[in-house]
Amino acid sequence: MFETELRAVAVAAIVGAIATLISPTGVAADELTVSNPRVVAHFDLSAGQTPEDIAVEPDGSADISFSEAAEVARVGLDGHVQVVGQLPRTGSCSPSPTPLSLGLVRLQDGTLFVVDCTNDANTGVWRISPGQAPVQIASLPANGFPNDMALDPSQGQLYIADSLLATVWRVPVQGGVPVAWATGPALARISFLGANGIAVHRDAVWVSNTDQGTIVRIPVLPDGSAGPIQTVGSGLGEIDNFVFVAGTQEIVAALPAANQVVLVDNGQTRVLLTGADGLSSPTSVAIRDNMLYVGSGAVVTHSNPNLLVAQIDS
């Protein structure tokens, strides 16, 4: 997450080479391309419709957390927007002056989970069951900045990256008391935001660090505890959310300040999409089948928040 009010960021060429992304896939990064990028929905910046995270429905529509509106909406590929959940707008999410709705995941039965950051008792994980109002299932520290969230469906656990407290929290999908699952300097902020994007992939939790421009890997040990934190990628600049390409170690990442979506694979970083394709400070990416979804939160451009889709070719 990377919010409009937090600071002005110079748009620069900040994409660097990954130092040590582990486990080569045997597929060269230049073999994966995207085509036919198109913006399917433009959102209302004045209404706080700033995309933060994406979960894709089976019919191809996208559930999106609108951070500044503290809403979750379903966006069709025809551009239709339907609000499916309104989160509390109490407090703020320091250093932002407003409350924010952030990480979003979806269960196969259609249940959504979303992170709300309000710096008060409403900070935590909220469940949105189909046709029902949001319900808080776990409280997180009010002095933190819970950001992106990932689901481990095999273990029934949610993992939340906290950008201020240098912590990955773990919460059961049924709710309960959160566990400070992992913490350490590799997750810490330097001046802005630390741990940000998060993904569960191949028996590990992977976390991006915005200030440090890194991706770390945290093994999930057999007893469910966290193994040693390993920095596996560096030189990425101010990275936000990211996603793995299914069946590979390739990462697609959103770089809001650079206004790019990039592919990271086995020590190589390559630009997939830019502002010329319709991006406007991308904050989130998602993949379903052969379709790439990109949410642009307009956090640096301050205009044209949108949802873009593109075909994945390989």
C-alpha atoms as a PDB file:
ATOM      1  CA  MET A   1       0.000   0.000   0.000  1.00  0.00           C
ATOM      2  CA  PHE A   2       1.205   3.424  -0.971  1.00  0.00           C
ATOM      3  CA  GLU A   3      -1.271   6.248  -0.143  1.00  0.00           C
ATOM      4  CA  THR A   4      -1.885   9.591  -1.884  1.00  0.00           C
ATOM      5  CA  GLU A   5      -1.677  11.725   1.241  1.00  0.00           C
ATOM      6  CA  LEU A   6       1.462  10.203   2.666  1.00  0.00           C
ATOM      7  CA  ARG A   7       4.094  12.055   0.629  1.00  0.00           C
ATOM      8  CA  ALA A   8       5.031  13.224  -2.840  1.00  0.00           C
ATOM      9  CA  VAL A   9       7.351  10.775  -4.551  1.00  0.00           C
ATOM     10  CA  ALA A  10       9.472  11.717  -7.540  1.00  0.00           C
ATOM     11  CA  VAL A  11       8.814   9.470 -10.500  1.00  0.00           C
ATOM     12  CA  ALA A  12      12.219   8.065 -11.305  1.00  0.00           C
ATOM     13  CA  ALA A  13      13.905   5.116 -12.904  1.00  0.00           C
ATOM     14  CA  ILE A  14      14.053   3.016  -9.756  1.00  0.00           C
ATOM     15  CA  VAL A  15      13.794  -0.459 -11.183  1.00  0.00           C
ATOM     16  CA  GLY A  16      17.029  -2.352 -10.482  1.00  0.00           C
ATOM     17  CA  ALA A  17      18.288  -5.867 -10.940  1.00  0.00           C
ATOM     18  CA  ILE A  18      17.153  -8.531  -8.481  1.00  0.00           C
ATOM     19  CA  ALA A  19      20.163  -9.771  -6.569  1.00  0.00           C
ATOM     20  CA  THR A  20      19.343 -13.327  -5.657  1.00  0.00           C
ATOM     21  CA  LEU A  21      15.836 -14.537  -6.479  1.00  0.00           C
ATOM     22  CA  ILE A  22      16.011 -18.176  -5.565  1.00  0.00           C
ATOM     23  CA  SER A  23      15.051 -21.406  -7.340  1.00  0.00           C
ATOM     24  CA  PRO A  24      15.303 -20.690 -11.082  1.00  0.00           C
ATOM     25  CA  THR A  25      12.313 -21.939 -13.036  1.00  0.00           C
ATOM     26  CA  GLY A  26      14.160 -22.843 -16.207  1.00  0.00           C
ATOM     27  CA  VAL A  27      11.972 -20.380 -18.116  1.00  0.00           C
ATOM     28  CA  ALA A  28      13.655 -17.165 -19.218  1.00  0.00           C
ATOM     29  CA  ALA A  29      11.978 -13.972 -18.097  1.00  0.00           C
ATOM     30  CA  ASP A  30      11.743 -12.725 -21.668  1.00  0.00           C
ATOM     31  CA  GLU A  31       9.449 -15.623 -22.606  1.00  0.00           C
ATOM     32  CA  LEU A  32       6.521 -14.186 -20.625  1.00  0.00           C
ATOM     33  CA  THR A  33       4.830 -11.179 -22.161  1.00  0.00           C
ATOM     34  CA  VAL A  34       1.488  -9.435 -21.893  1.00  0.00           C
ATOM     35  CA  SER A  35      -0.672  -8.140 -24.691  1.00  0.00           C
ATOM     36  CA  ASN A  36      -3.868  -6.190 -25.316  1.00  0.00           C
ATOM     37  CA  PRO A  37      -3.731  -4.051 -22.158  1.00  0.00           C
ATOM     38  CA  ARG A  38      -6.953  -2.104 -21.685  1.00  0.00           C
ATOM     39  CA  VAL A  39      -8.518  -0.056 -18.927  1.00  0.00           C
ATOM     40  CA  VAL A  40     -11.906  -1.581 -18.141  1.00  0.00           C
ATOM     41  CA  ALA A  41     -12.964   0.838 -15.406  1.00  0.00           C
ATOM     42  CA  HIS A  42     -12.090   4.394 -14.412  1.00  0.00           C
ATOM     43  CA  PHE A  43     -12.791   5.335 -10.786  1.00  0.00           C
ATOM     44  CA  ASP A  44     -13.705   8.511  -8.918  1.00  0.00           C
ATOM     45  CA  LEU A  45     -10.662   9.869  -7.098  1.00  0.00           C
ATOM     46  CA  SER A  46     -12.736  12.472  -5.226  1.00  0.00           C
ATOM     47  CA  ALA A  47     -14.872   9.651  -3.791  1.00  0.00           C
ATOM     48  CA  GLY A  48     -11.815   7.774  -2.525  1.00  0.00           C
ATOM     49  CA  GLN A  49     -12.091   5.026  -5.154  1.00  0.00           C
ATOM     50  CA  THR A  50      -8.365   4.293  -5.032  1.00  0.00           C
ATOM     51  CA  PRO A  51      -7.647   0.593  -5.727  1.00  0.00           C
ATOM     52  CA  GLU A  52      -5.441  -1.070  -3.163  1.00  0.00           C
ATOM     53  CA  ASP A  53      -5.859  -4.839  -3.534  1.00  0.00           C
ATOM     54  CA  ILE A  54      -7.603  -7.233  -5.924  1.00  0.00           C
ATOM     55  CA  ALA A  55      -9.269 -10.648  -5.602  1.00  0.00           C
ATOM     56  CA  VAL A  56     -10.661 -12.137  -8.814  1.00  0.00           C
ATOM     57  CA  GLU A  57     -14.085 -13.814  -8.985  1.00  0.00           C
ATOM     58  CA  PRO A  58     -14.697 -16.993 -11.039  1.00  0.00           C
ATOM     59  CA  ASP A  59     -16.600 -14.977 -13.649  1.00  0.00           C
ATOM     60  CA  GLY A  60     -13.613 -12.682 -14.186  1.00  0.00           C
ATOM     61  CA  SER A  61     -14.970  -9.714 -12.249  1.00  0.00           C
ATOM     62  CA  ALA A  62     -12.604  -8.164  -9.702  1.00  0.00           C
ATOM     63  CA  ASP A  63     -13.210  -7.516  -6.024  1.00  0.00           C
ATOM     64  CA  ILE A  64     -11.232  -4.384  -5.171  1.00  0.00           C
ATOM     65  CA  SER A  65     -10.513  -2.648  -1.891  1.00  0.00           C
ATOM     66  CA  PHE A  66     -10.931   1.113  -2.407  1.00  0.00           C
ATOM     67  CA  SER A  67      -8.505   2.282   0.257  1.00  0.00           C
ATOM     68  CA  GLU A  68      -9.569   5.891   0.811  1.00  0.00           C
ATOM     69  CA  ALA A  69     -13.288   5.121   0.599  1.00  0.00           C
ATOM     70  CA  ALA A  70     -12.859   2.192   3.043  1.00  0.00           C
ATOM     71  CA  GLU A  71     -14.981   0.095   0.688  1.00  0.00           C
ATOM     72  CA  VAL A  72     -14.827  -3.212  -1.113  1.00  0.00           C
ATOM     73  CA  ALA A  73     -16.412  -3.152  -4.547  1.00  0.00           C
ATOM     74  CA  ARG A  74     -17.013  -5.702  -7.300  1.00  0.00           C
ATOM     75  CA  VAL A  75     -15.944  -4.414 -10.703  1.00  0.00           C
ATOM     76  CA  GLY A  76     -17.114  -6.170 -13.837  1.00  0.00           C
ATOM     77  CA  LEU A  77     -15.091  -6.366 -17.031  1.00  0.00           C
ATOM     78  CA  ASP A  78     -17.817  -4.134 -18.474  1.00  0.00           C
ATOM     79  CA  GLY A  79     -16.801  -1.435 -15.976  1.00  0.00           C
ATOM     80  CA  HIS A  80     -19.839  -1.791 -13.685  1.00  0.00           C
ATOM     81  CA  VAL A  81     -18.985  -1.034 -10.036  1.00  0.00           C
ATOM     82  CA  GLN A  82     -21.024  -2.466  -7.133  1.00  0.00           C
ATOM     83  CA  VAL A  83     -20.078  -1.818  -3.496  1.00  0.00           C
ATOM     84  CA  VAL A  84     -20.238  -5.081  -1.525  1.00  0.00           C
ATOM     85  CA  GLY A  85     -18.936  -3.848   1.822  1.00  0.00           C
ATOM     86  CA  GLN A  86     -18.417  -0.568   3.670  1.00  0.00           C
ATOM     87  CA  LEU A  87     -15.748  -0.623   6.371  1.00  0.00           C
ATOM     88  CA  PRO A  88     -15.706   1.736   9.386  1.00  0.00           C
ATOM     89  CA  ARG A  89     -14.466   5.245   8.655  1.00  0.00           C
ATOM     90  CA  THR A  90     -13.465   6.018  12.231  1.00  0.00           C
ATOM     91  CA  GLY A  91     -10.052   7.355  13.123  1.00  0.00           C
ATOM     92  CA  SER A  92      -7.182   7.452  10.644  1.00  0.00           C
ATOM     93  CA  CYS A  93      -4.338   5.260   9.458  1.00  0.00           C
ATOM     94  CA  SER A  94      -1.273   7.219  10.489  1.00  0.00           C
ATOM     95  CA  PRO A  95       0.648   8.618   8.706  1.00  0.00           C
ATOM     96  CA  SER A  96      -2.416   8.949   6.472  1.00  0.00           C
ATOM     97  CA  PRO A  97      -5.030  11.401   7.803  1.00  0.00           C
ATOM     98  CA  THR A  98      -7.876   9.039   6.851  1.00  0.00           C
ATOM     99  CA  PRO A  99      -8.850   5.438   7.622  1.00  0.00           C
ATOM    100  CA  LEU A 100      -7.841   2.984   4.918  1.00  0.00           C
ATOM    101  CA  SER A 101      -9.060  -0.388   3.670  1.00  0.00           C
ATOM    102  CA  LEU A 102      -6.158  -2.419   2.362  1.00  0.00           C
ATOM    103  CA  GLY A 103      -5.351  -6.117   1.890  1.00  0.00           C
ATOM    104  CA  LEU A 104      -8.074  -8.306   0.395  1.00  0.00           C
ATOM    105  CA  VAL A 105      -8.427 -12.069  -0.100  1.00  0.00           C
ATOM    106  CA  ARG A 106     -11.240 -14.353  -1.249  1.00  0.00           C
ATOM    107  CA  LEU A 107     -12.236 -17.870  -0.222  1.00  0.00           C
ATOM    108  CA  GLN A 108     -13.630 -20.305  -2.777  1.00  0.00           C
ATOM    109  CA  ASP A 109     -17.105 -19.931  -1.251  1.00  0.00           C
ATOM    110  CA  GLY A 110     -17.108 -16.209  -2.015  1.00  0.00           C
ATOM    111  CA  THR A 111     -16.257 -14.980   1.474  1.00  0.00           C
ATOM    112  CA  LEU A 112     -13.987 -11.933   1.415  1.00  0.00           C
ATOM    113  CA  PHE A 113     -11.531 -10.798   4.084  1.00  0.00           C
ATOM    114  CA  VAL A 114     -10.250  -7.227   4.154  1.00  0.00           C
ATOM    115  CA  VAL A 115      -7.821  -5.318   6.350  1.00  0.00           C
ATOM    116  CA  ASP A 116      -9.054  -2.062   7.862  1.00  0.00           C
ATOM    117  CA  CYS A 117      -6.569   0.440   9.317  1.00  0.00           C
ATOM    118  CA  THR A 118      -8.131   3.098  11.560  1.00  0.00           C
ATOM    119  CA  ASN A 119      -5.655   3.520  14.472  1.00  0.00           C
ATOM    120  CA  ASP A 120      -8.447   2.561  16.851  1.00  0.00           C
ATOM    121  CA  ALA A 121     -10.392  -0.532  17.886  1.00  0.00           C
ATOM    122  CA  ASN A 122     -11.670  -1.083  14.344  1.00  0.00           C
ATOM    123  CA  THR A 123      -8.149  -1.816  13.084  1.00  0.00           C
ATOM    124  CA  GLY A 124      -7.995  -5.452  12.077  1.00  0.00           C
ATOM    125  CA  VAL A 125      -9.386  -8.100   9.765  1.00  0.00           C
ATOM    126  CA  TRP A 126     -13.007  -7.966   8.620  1.00  0.00           C
ATOM    127  CA  ARG A 127     -15.067 -10.701   6.969  1.00  0.00           C
ATOM    128  CA  ILE A 128     -17.605  -9.953   4.228  1.00  0.00           C
ATOM    129  CA  SER A 129     -19.870 -12.951   3.634  1.00  0.00           C
ATOM    130  CA  PRO A 130     -21.998 -12.842   0.472  1.00  0.00           C
ATOM    131  CA  GLY A 131     -24.965 -10.547   1.022  1.00  0.00           C
ATOM    132  CA  GLN A 132     -23.957  -9.611   4.570  1.00  0.00           C
ATOM    133  CA  ALA A 133     -22.436  -6.576   6.256  1.00  0.00           C
ATOM    134  CA  PRO A 134     -18.732  -6.698   7.212  1.00  0.00           C
ATOM    135  CA  VAL A 135     -17.909  -8.271  10.601  1.00  0.00           C
ATOM    136  CA  GLN A 136     -14.615  -7.838  12.444  1.00  0.00           C
ATOM    137  CA  ILE A 137     -12.982 -11.214  13.140  1.00  0.00           C
ATOM    138  CA  ALA A 138      -9.652 -10.060  14.579  1.00  0.00           C
ATOM    139  CA  SER A 139      -8.242  -6.889  16.119  1.00  0.00           C
ATOM    140  CA  LEU A 140      -4.744  -5.715  15.271  1.00  0.00           C
ATOM    141  CA  PRO A 141      -2.652  -3.125  17.164  1.00  0.00           C
ATOM    142  CA  ALA A 142      -4.075   0.362  16.764  1.00  0.00           C
ATOM    143  CA  ASN A 143      -0.583   1.836  16.487  1.00  0.00           C
ATOM    144  CA  GLY A 144       0.298  -0.316  13.492  1.00  0.00           C
ATOM    145  CA  PHE A 145      -0.277  -0.085   9.762  1.00  0.00           C
ATOM    146  CA  PRO A 146      -1.681  -3.488   8.720  1.00  0.00           C
ATOM    147  CA  ASN A 147      -1.335  -3.517   4.971  1.00  0.00           C
ATOM    148  CA  ASP A 148      -1.493  -6.337   2.442  1.00  0.00           C
ATOM    149  CA  MET A 149      -2.898  -9.762   3.331  1.00  0.00           C
ATOM    150  CA  ALA A 150      -2.392 -13.277   1.946  1.00  0.00           C
ATOM    151  CA  LEU A 151      -4.275 -16.539   2.410  1.00  0.00           C
ATOM    152  CA  ASP A 152      -2.788 -19.959   3.081  1.00  0.00           C
ATOM    153  CA  PRO A 153      -5.798 -22.104   2.154  1.00  0.00           C
ATOM    154  CA  SER A 154      -4.126 -25.386   3.134  1.00  0.00           C
ATOM    155  CA  GLN A 155      -3.676 -24.218   6.726  1.00  0.00           C
ATOM    156  CA  GLY A 156      -6.675 -21.875   6.982  1.00  0.00           C
ATOM    157  CA  GLN A 157      -4.493 -18.937   7.955  1.00  0.00           C
ATOM    158  CA  LEU A 158      -4.354 -15.279   6.937  1.00  0.00           C
ATOM    159  CA  TYR A 159      -1.013 -13.428   6.969  1.00  0.00           C
ATOM    160  CA  ILE A 160      -0.914  -9.629   7.240  1.00  0.00           C
ATOM    161  CA  ALA A 161       2.142  -7.415   6.632  1.00  0.00           C
ATOM    162  CA  ASP A 162       2.410  -4.507   9.080  1.00  0.00           C
ATOM    163  CA  SER A 163       4.268  -1.587   7.488  1.00  0.00           C
ATOM    164  CA  LEU A 164       5.043   0.226  10.746  1.00  0.00           C
ATOM    165  CA  LEU A 165       5.570  -2.567  13.276  1.00  0.00           C
ATOM    166  CA  ALA A 166       7.952  -4.691  11.123  1.00  0.00           C
ATOM    167  CA  THR A 167       5.702  -7.683  11.747  1.00  0.00           C
ATOM    168  CA  VAL A 168       3.818 -10.346   9.852  1.00  0.00           C
ATOM    169  CA  TRP A 169       0.632 -11.172  11.745  1.00  0.00           C
ATOM    170  CA  ARG A 170      -1.178 -14.515  11.457  1.00  0.00           C
ATOM    171  CA  VAL A 171      -4.931 -14.852  11.957  1.00  0.00           C
ATOM    172  CA  PRO A 172      -7.086 -17.990  11.495  1.00  0.00           C
ATOM    173  CA  VAL A 173      -9.781 -17.582   8.834  1.00  0.00           C
ATOM    174  CA  GLN A 174     -12.413 -18.278  11.488  1.00  0.00           C
ATOM    175  CA  GLY A 175     -11.072 -15.333  13.493  1.00  0.00           C
ATOM    176  CA  GLY A 176      -9.406 -14.987  16.848  1.00  0.00           C
ATOM    177  CA  VAL A 177      -6.380 -13.468  18.538  1.00  0.00           C
ATOM    178  CA  PRO A 178      -3.635 -12.556  16.052  1.00  0.00           C
ATOM    179  CA  VAL A 179      -0.145 -13.989  16.434  1.00  0.00           C
ATOM    180  CA  ALA A 180       2.996 -11.953  15.749  1.00  0.00           C
ATOM    181  CA  TRP A 181       4.261 -14.673  13.419  1.00  0.00           C
ATOM    182  CA  ALA A 182       7.473 -13.045  12.168  1.00  0.00           C
ATOM    183  CA  THR A 183       9.351  -9.843  12.901  1.00  0.00           C
ATOM    184  CA  GLY A 184      12.796  -8.441  12.216  1.00  0.00           C
ATOM    185  CA  PRO A 185      14.909  -5.722  10.580  1.00  0.00           C
ATOM    186  CA  ALA A 186      14.214  -7.054   7.090  1.00  0.00           C
ATOM    187  CA  LEU A 187      10.562  -6.089   7.596  1.00  0.00           C
ATOM    188  CA  ALA A 188      11.275  -2.666   9.098  1.00  0.00           C
ATOM    189  CA  ARG A 189      10.566   0.756   7.674  1.00  0.00           C
ATOM    190  CA  ILE A 190      13.338   3.275   7.157  1.00  0.00           C
ATOM    191  CA  SER A 191      11.423   6.486   6.541  1.00  0.00           C
ATOM    192  CA  PHE A 192       8.071   5.620   4.946  1.00  0.00           C
ATOM    193  CA  LEU A 193       6.704   2.062   4.820  1.00  0.00           C
ATOM    194  CA  GLY A 194       8.386  -1.253   5.522  1.00  0.00           C
ATOM    195  CA  ALA A 195       6.650  -4.617   5.021  1.00  0.00           C
ATOM    196  CA  ASN A 196       3.976  -4.082   2.384  1.00  0.00           C
ATOM    197  CA  GLY A 197       2.986  -6.707  -0.195  1.00  0.00           C
ATOM    198  CA  ILE A 198       2.657 -10.334   0.879  1.00  0.00           C
ATOM    199  CA  ALA A 199       2.104 -13.720  -0.779  1.00  0.00           C
ATOM    200  CA  VAL A 200       2.040 -17.377   0.251  1.00  0.00           C
ATOM    201  CA  HIS A 201       3.983 -19.548  -2.187  1.00  0.00           C
ATOM    202  CA  ARG A 202       5.669 -22.952  -1.943  1.00  0.00           C
ATOM    203  CA  ASP A 203       5.674 -23.409   1.834  1.00  0.00           C
ATOM    204  CA  ALA A 204       6.781 -19.870   2.545  1.00  0.00           C
ATOM    205  CA  VAL A 205       5.466 -16.371   3.121  1.00  0.00           C
ATOM    206  CA  TRP A 206       7.028 -13.733   0.865  1.00  0.00           C
ATOM    207  CA  VAL A 207       6.981 -10.036   1.765  1.00  0.00           C
ATOM    208  CA  SER A 208       8.001  -6.885  -0.099  1.00  0.00           C
ATOM    209  CA  ASN A 209       9.606  -3.980   1.764  1.00  0.00           C
ATOM    210  CA  THR A 210       8.862  -0.596   0.211  1.00  0.00           C
ATOM    211  CA  ASP A 211      11.622   1.408   1.907  1.00  0.00           C
ATOM    212  CA  GLN A 212      14.295  -1.258   1.458  1.00  0.00           C
ATOM    213  CA  GLY A 213      13.306  -2.204  -2.111  1.00  0.00           C
ATOM    214  CA  THR A 214      13.457  -5.885  -1.257  1.00  0.00           C
ATOM    215  CA  ILE A 215      11.508  -9.130  -1.238  1.00  0.00           C
ATOM    216  CA  VAL A 216      12.051 -11.555   1.627  1.00  0.00           C
ATOM    217  CA  ARG A 217      11.106 -15.202   2.006  1.00  0.00           C
ATOM    218  CA  ILE A 218       9.997 -16.613   5.378  1.00  0.00           C
ATOM    219  CA  PRO A 219       9.712 -20.430   5.454  1.00  0.00           C
ATOM    220  CA  VAL A 220       6.656 -21.934   7.117  1.00  0.00           C
ATOM    221  CA  LEU A 221       8.101 -24.654   9.339  1.00  0.00           C
ATOM    222  CA  PRO A 222       6.301 -27.997   9.873  1.00  0.00           C
ATOM    223  CA  ASP A 223       4.869 -26.792  13.187  1.00  0.00           C
ATOM    224  CA  GLY A 224       3.510 -23.623  11.518  1.00  0.00           C
ATOM    225  CA  SER A 225       6.082 -21.276  13.010  1.00  0.00           C
ATOM    226  CA  ALA A 226       8.258 -18.918  10.988  1.00  0.00           C
ATOM    227  CA  GLY A 227      11.732 -19.901   9.836  1.00  0.00           C
ATOM    228  CA  PRO A 228      14.631 -17.476   9.331  1.00  0.00           C
ATOM    229  CA  ILE A 229      13.860 -14.424   7.210  1.00  0.00           C
ATOM    230  CA  GLN A 230      15.857 -14.522   3.978  1.00  0.00           C
ATOM    231  CA  THR A 231      16.280 -11.540   1.645  1.00  0.00           C
ATOM    232  CA  VAL A 232      15.888 -13.040  -1.832  1.00  0.00           C
ATOM    233  CA  GLY A 233      15.442  -9.927  -3.975  1.00  0.00           C
ATOM    234  CA  SER A 234      16.840  -6.418  -3.828  1.00  0.00           C
ATOM    235  CA  GLY A 235      17.193  -3.271  -5.906  1.00  0.00           C
ATOM    236  CA  LEU A 236      13.471  -3.036  -6.656  1.00  0.00           C
ATOM    237  CA  GLY A 237      12.867   0.525  -5.521  1.00  0.00           C
ATOM    238  CA  GLU A 238       9.557   1.367  -3.882  1.00  0.00           C
ATOM    239  CA  ILE A 239       7.731  -1.888  -4.510  1.00  0.00           C
ATOM    240  CA  ASP A 240       4.101  -2.379  -3.477  1.00  0.00           C
ATOM    241  CA  ASN A 241       1.993  -5.527  -3.955  1.00  0.00           C
ATOM    242  CA  PHE A 242       3.105  -8.515  -6.028  1.00  0.00           C
ATOM    243  CA  VAL A 243       1.894 -11.916  -7.189  1.00  0.00           C
ATOM    244  CA  PHE A 244       3.505 -15.164  -8.345  1.00  0.00           C
ATOM    245  CA  VAL A 245       2.851 -16.586 -11.779  1.00  0.00           C
ATOM    246  CA  ALA A 246       1.226 -19.957 -11.077  1.00  0.00           C
ATOM    247  CA  GLY A 247       3.592 -22.919 -11.108  1.00  0.00           C
ATOM    248  CA  THR A 248       6.726 -20.765 -11.288  1.00  0.00           C
ATOM    249  CA  GLN A 249       8.995 -18.564  -9.218  1.00  0.00           C
ATOM    250  CA  GLU A 250       8.254 -15.575 -11.478  1.00  0.00           C
ATOM    251  CA  ILE A 251       6.919 -12.508  -9.700  1.00  0.00           C
ATOM    252  CA  VAL A 252       4.769  -9.756 -11.180  1.00  0.00           C
ATOM    253  CA  ALA A 253       5.080  -6.603  -9.068  1.00  0.00           C
ATOM    254  CA  ALA A 254       3.513  -3.141  -8.942  1.00  0.00           C
ATOM    255  CA  LEU A 255       5.890  -0.161  -8.712  1.00  0.00           C
ATOM    256  CA  PRO A 256       3.751   2.931  -8.019  1.00  0.00           C
ATOM    257  CA  ALA A 257       6.474   5.588  -8.158  1.00  0.00           C
ATOM    258  CA  ALA A 258       7.972   4.224 -11.370  1.00  0.00           C
ATOM    259  CA  ASN A 259       4.435   3.809 -12.805  1.00  0.00           C
ATOM    260  CA  GLN A 260       5.322   0.307 -13.961  1.00  0.00           C
ATOM    261  CA  VAL A 261       4.377  -3.322 -13.597  1.00  0.00           C
ATOM    262  CA  VAL A 262       7.453  -5.545 -13.824  1.00  0.00           C
ATOM    263  CA  LEU A 263       8.338  -9.216 -14.130  1.00  0.00           C
ATOM    264  CA  VAL A 264      11.039 -10.507 -11.786  1.00  0.00           C
ATOM    265  CA  ASP A 265      12.579 -13.882 -12.556  1.00  0.00           C
ATOM    266  CA  ASN A 266      15.901 -15.519 -11.683  1.00  0.00           C
ATOM    267  CA  GLY A 267      17.954 -12.370 -11.301  1.00  0.00           C
ATOM    268  CA  GLN A 268      16.257 -10.434 -14.093  1.00  0.00           C
ATOM    269  CA  THR A 269      13.712  -7.623 -13.979  1.00  0.00           C
ATOM    270  CA  ARG A 270      11.753  -6.593 -17.037  1.00  0.00           C
ATOM    271  CA  VAL A 271       9.019  -3.987 -17.531  1.00  0.00           C
ATOM    272  CA  LEU A 272       5.663  -5.412 -18.629  1.00  0.00           C
ATOM    273  CA  LEU A 273       3.412  -2.334 -18.499  1.00  0.00           C
ATOM    274  CA  THR A 274       3.870   1.432 -18.162  1.00  0.00           C
ATOM    275  CA  GLY A 275       1.858   4.615 -18.081  1.00  0.00           C
ATOM    276  CA  ALA A 276       1.595   4.416 -21.860  1.00  0.00           C
ATOM    277  CA  ASP A 277      -0.590   1.326 -21.377  1.00  0.00           C
ATOM    278  CA  GLY A 278      -2.913   3.153 -18.984  1.00  0.00           C
ATOM    279  CA  LEU A 279      -1.243   2.673 -15.607  1.00  0.00           C
ATOM    280  CA  SER A 280      -1.631   5.459 -13.051  1.00  0.00           C
ATOM    281  CA  SER A 281       0.605   4.580 -10.064  1.00  0.00           C
ATOM    282  CA  PRO A 282      -0.216   0.847  -9.892  1.00  0.00           C
ATOM    283  CA  THR A 283      -0.619  -0.505  -6.380  1.00  0.00           C
ATOM    284  CA  SER A 284      -1.880  -4.059  -6.888  1.00  0.00           C
ATOM    285  CA  VAL A 285      -1.733  -6.989  -9.284  1.00  0.00           C
ATOM    286  CA  ALA A 286      -3.646 -10.253  -9.563  1.00  0.00           C
ATOM    287  CA  ILE A 287      -3.626 -13.180 -11.993  1.00  0.00           C
ATOM    288  CA  ARG A 288      -6.411 -15.556 -12.913  1.00  0.00           C
ATOM    289  CA  ASP A 289      -5.846 -18.081 -15.693  1.00  0.00           C
ATOM    290  CA  ASN A 290      -4.174 -16.090 -18.485  1.00  0.00           C
ATOM    291  CA  MET A 291      -5.391 -12.655 -17.404  1.00  0.00           C
ATOM    292  CA  LEU A 292      -3.407 -10.031 -15.505  1.00  0.00           C
ATOM    293  CA  TYR A 293      -5.349  -7.493 -13.432  1.00  0.00           C
ATOM    294  CA  VAL A 294      -3.733  -4.223 -12.319  1.00  0.00           C
ATOM    295  CA  GLY A 295      -5.262  -1.712  -9.935  1.00  0.00           C
ATOM    296  CA  SER A 296      -3.905   1.824 -10.206  1.00  0.00           C
ATOM    297  CA  GLY A 297      -4.366   3.885  -7.059  1.00  0.00           C
ATOM    298  CA  ALA A 298      -3.154   7.206  -8.564  1.00  0.00           C
ATOM    299  CA  VAL A 299      -0.953   7.680  -5.506  1.00  0.00           C
ATOM    300  CA  VAL A 300       1.731   9.620  -7.367  1.00  0.00           C
ATOM    301  CA  THR A 301      -0.119  10.719 -10.506  1.00  0.00           C
ATOM    302  CA  HIS A 302      -3.108  12.004  -8.474  1.00  0.00           C
ATOM    303  CA  SER A 303      -5.413  11.298 -11.410  1.00  0.00           C
ATOM    304  CA  ASN A 304      -7.245   8.468 -13.166  1.00  0.00           C
ATOM    305  CA  PRO A 305      -7.405   5.600 -10.667  1.00  0.00           C
ATOM    306  CA  ASN A 306      -8.428   2.575 -12.713  1.00  0.00           C
ATOM    307  CA  LEU A 307      -8.557  -1.161 -13.308  1.00  0.00           C
ATOM    308  CA  LEU A 308      -6.520  -2.460 -16.232  1.00  0.00           C
ATOM    309  CA  VAL A 309      -6.504  -5.989 -17.617  1.00  0.00           C
ATOM    310  CA  ALA A 310      -4.077  -7.605 -20.028  1.00  0.00           C
ATOM    311  CA  GLN A 311      -3.577 -11.002 -21.652  1.00  0.00           C
ATOM    312  CA  ILE A 312      -0.673 -13.102 -20.381  1.00  0.00           C
ATOM    313  CA  ASP A 313       1.314 -14.735 -23.175  1.00  0.00           C
ATOM    314  CA  SER A 314       4.030 -17.317 -22.583  1.00  0.00           C
END
